[in-house]
Amino acid sequence: MTHDYDLLVIGAGQGGLPAAHMAANLGAKVALIEQAEVGGT
């Protein structure tokens, strides 16, 4: 199985979540990896 993404974001904290959202809104295919809860501190 292969996956094709424009951006891979590791961590859905205060920086990762907005970066992933912005890239997706600009048309990028984004993968977001988070171990725990989304949103950070």
N, C-alpha and C. Protein backbone atom coordinates (compact mmCIF):
# COMPACT_ATOMS: atom_id res chain seq x y z
N MET A 1 0.84 -1.17 0.00
CA MET A 1 0.00 0.00 0.00
C MET A 1 0.89 1.25 0.00
N THR A 2 0.60 2.19 -0.87
CA THR A 2 1.36 3.44 -0.91
C THR A 2 0.43 4.61 -0.64
N HIS A 3 1.02 5.66 -0.14
CA HIS A 3 0.29 6.89 0.13
C HIS A 3 1.05 8.05 -0.50
N ASP A 4 0.34 8.98 -1.06
CA ASP A 4 0.96 10.13 -1.71
C ASP A 4 0.42 11.41 -1.07
N TYR A 5 1.28 12.10 -0.34
CA TYR A 5 0.90 13.34 0.33
C TYR A 5 1.83 14.46 -0.09
N ASP A 6 1.32 15.67 -0.04
CA ASP A 6 2.15 16.85 -0.28
C ASP A 6 2.85 17.30 1.00
N LEU A 7 2.21 17.02 2.14
CA LEU A 7 2.76 17.47 3.43
C LEU A 7 2.45 16.44 4.50
N LEU A 8 3.44 16.11 5.30
CA LEU A 8 3.28 15.24 6.46
C LEU A 8 3.58 16.07 7.69
N VAL A 9 2.59 16.22 8.58
CA VAL A 9 2.76 17.00 9.80
C VAL A 9 2.78 16.02 10.97
N ILE A 10 3.82 16.10 11.78
CA ILE A 10 3.93 15.25 12.95
C ILE A 10 3.65 16.10 14.17
N GLY A 11 2.53 15.84 14.80
CA GLY A 11 2.11 16.58 15.98
C GLY A 11 1.00 17.57 15.67
N ALA A 12 -0.12 17.41 16.35
CA ALA A 12 -1.28 18.29 16.13
C ALA A 12 -1.41 19.28 17.26
N GLY A 13 -0.30 19.91 17.61
CA GLY A 13 -0.29 20.89 18.69
C GLY A 13 -0.56 22.29 18.16
N GLN A 14 -0.04 23.27 18.85
CA GLN A 14 -0.30 24.67 18.55
C GLN A 14 0.25 25.11 17.20
N GLY A 15 1.24 24.41 16.68
CA GLY A 15 1.80 24.75 15.38
C GLY A 15 1.38 23.80 14.29
N GLY A 16 1.33 22.51 14.62
CA GLY A 16 1.03 21.49 13.62
C GLY A 16 -0.38 21.54 13.06
N LEU A 17 -1.35 21.71 13.93
CA LEU A 17 -2.75 21.73 13.49
C LEU A 17 -3.04 22.91 12.56
N PRO A 18 -2.64 24.14 12.90
CA PRO A 18 -2.87 25.24 11.97
C PRO A 18 -2.10 25.08 10.65
N ALA A 19 -0.89 24.54 10.71
CA ALA A 19 -0.11 24.33 9.49
C ALA A 19 -0.80 23.34 8.58
N ALA A 20 -1.30 22.24 9.14
CA ALA A 20 -2.01 21.23 8.35
C ALA A 20 -3.28 21.81 7.76
N HIS A 21 -4.00 22.58 8.55
CA HIS A 21 -5.26 23.18 8.09
C HIS A 21 -5.02 24.17 6.96
N MET A 22 -4.02 25.01 7.12
CA MET A 22 -3.72 26.00 6.09
C MET A 22 -3.30 25.34 4.79
N ALA A 23 -2.43 24.34 4.88
CA ALA A 23 -1.98 23.64 3.68
C ALA A 23 -3.15 22.94 2.98
N ALA A 24 -4.04 22.33 3.75
CA ALA A 24 -5.20 21.66 3.17
C ALA A 24 -6.12 22.67 2.49
N ASN A 25 -6.28 23.83 3.10
CA ASN A 25 -7.12 24.88 2.48
C ASN A 25 -6.52 25.40 1.18
N LEU A 26 -5.20 25.30 1.06
CA LEU A 26 -4.53 25.73 -0.17
C LEU A 26 -4.49 24.62 -1.22
N GLY A 27 -5.07 23.46 -0.91
CA GLY A 27 -5.18 22.39 -1.88
C GLY A 27 -4.20 21.25 -1.72
N ALA A 28 -3.37 21.29 -0.69
CA ALA A 28 -2.39 20.21 -0.48
C ALA A 28 -3.08 18.99 0.13
N LYS A 29 -2.56 17.83 -0.21
CA LYS A 29 -3.02 16.59 0.40
C LYS A 29 -2.15 16.38 1.64
N VAL A 30 -2.78 16.45 2.83
CA VAL A 30 -2.05 16.51 4.09
C VAL A 30 -2.32 15.26 4.93
N ALA A 31 -1.26 14.73 5.54
CA ALA A 31 -1.38 13.68 6.55
C ALA A 31 -0.93 14.28 7.87
N LEU A 32 -1.74 14.07 8.90
CA LEU A 32 -1.45 14.61 10.24
C LEU A 32 -1.33 13.44 11.20
N ILE A 33 -0.19 13.34 11.88
CA ILE A 33 0.07 12.25 12.80
C ILE A 33 0.10 12.81 14.22
N GLU A 34 -0.71 12.23 15.10
CA GLU A 34 -0.76 12.66 16.49
C GLU A 34 -0.91 11.43 17.38
N GLN A 35 -0.16 11.38 18.46
CA GLN A 35 -0.20 10.25 19.38
C GLN A 35 -1.33 10.38 20.39
N ALA A 36 -1.61 11.58 20.83
CA ALA A 36 -2.61 11.79 21.89
C ALA A 36 -3.73 12.68 21.36
N GLU A 37 -4.18 13.60 22.19
CA GLU A 37 -5.28 14.47 21.82
C GLU A 37 -4.82 15.60 20.90
N VAL A 38 -5.71 16.00 20.01
CA VAL A 38 -5.43 17.09 19.08
C VAL A 38 -5.57 18.42 19.80
N GLY A 39 -4.67 19.36 19.55
CA GLY A 39 -4.78 20.68 20.10
C GLY A 39 -3.63 21.12 20.98
N GLY A 40 -2.83 20.21 21.42
CA GLY A 40 -1.67 20.58 22.23
C GLY A 40 -2.05 20.99 23.63
N THR A 41 -1.31 21.97 24.17
CA THR A 41 -1.52 22.36 25.56
C THR A 41 -2.72 23.23 25.75
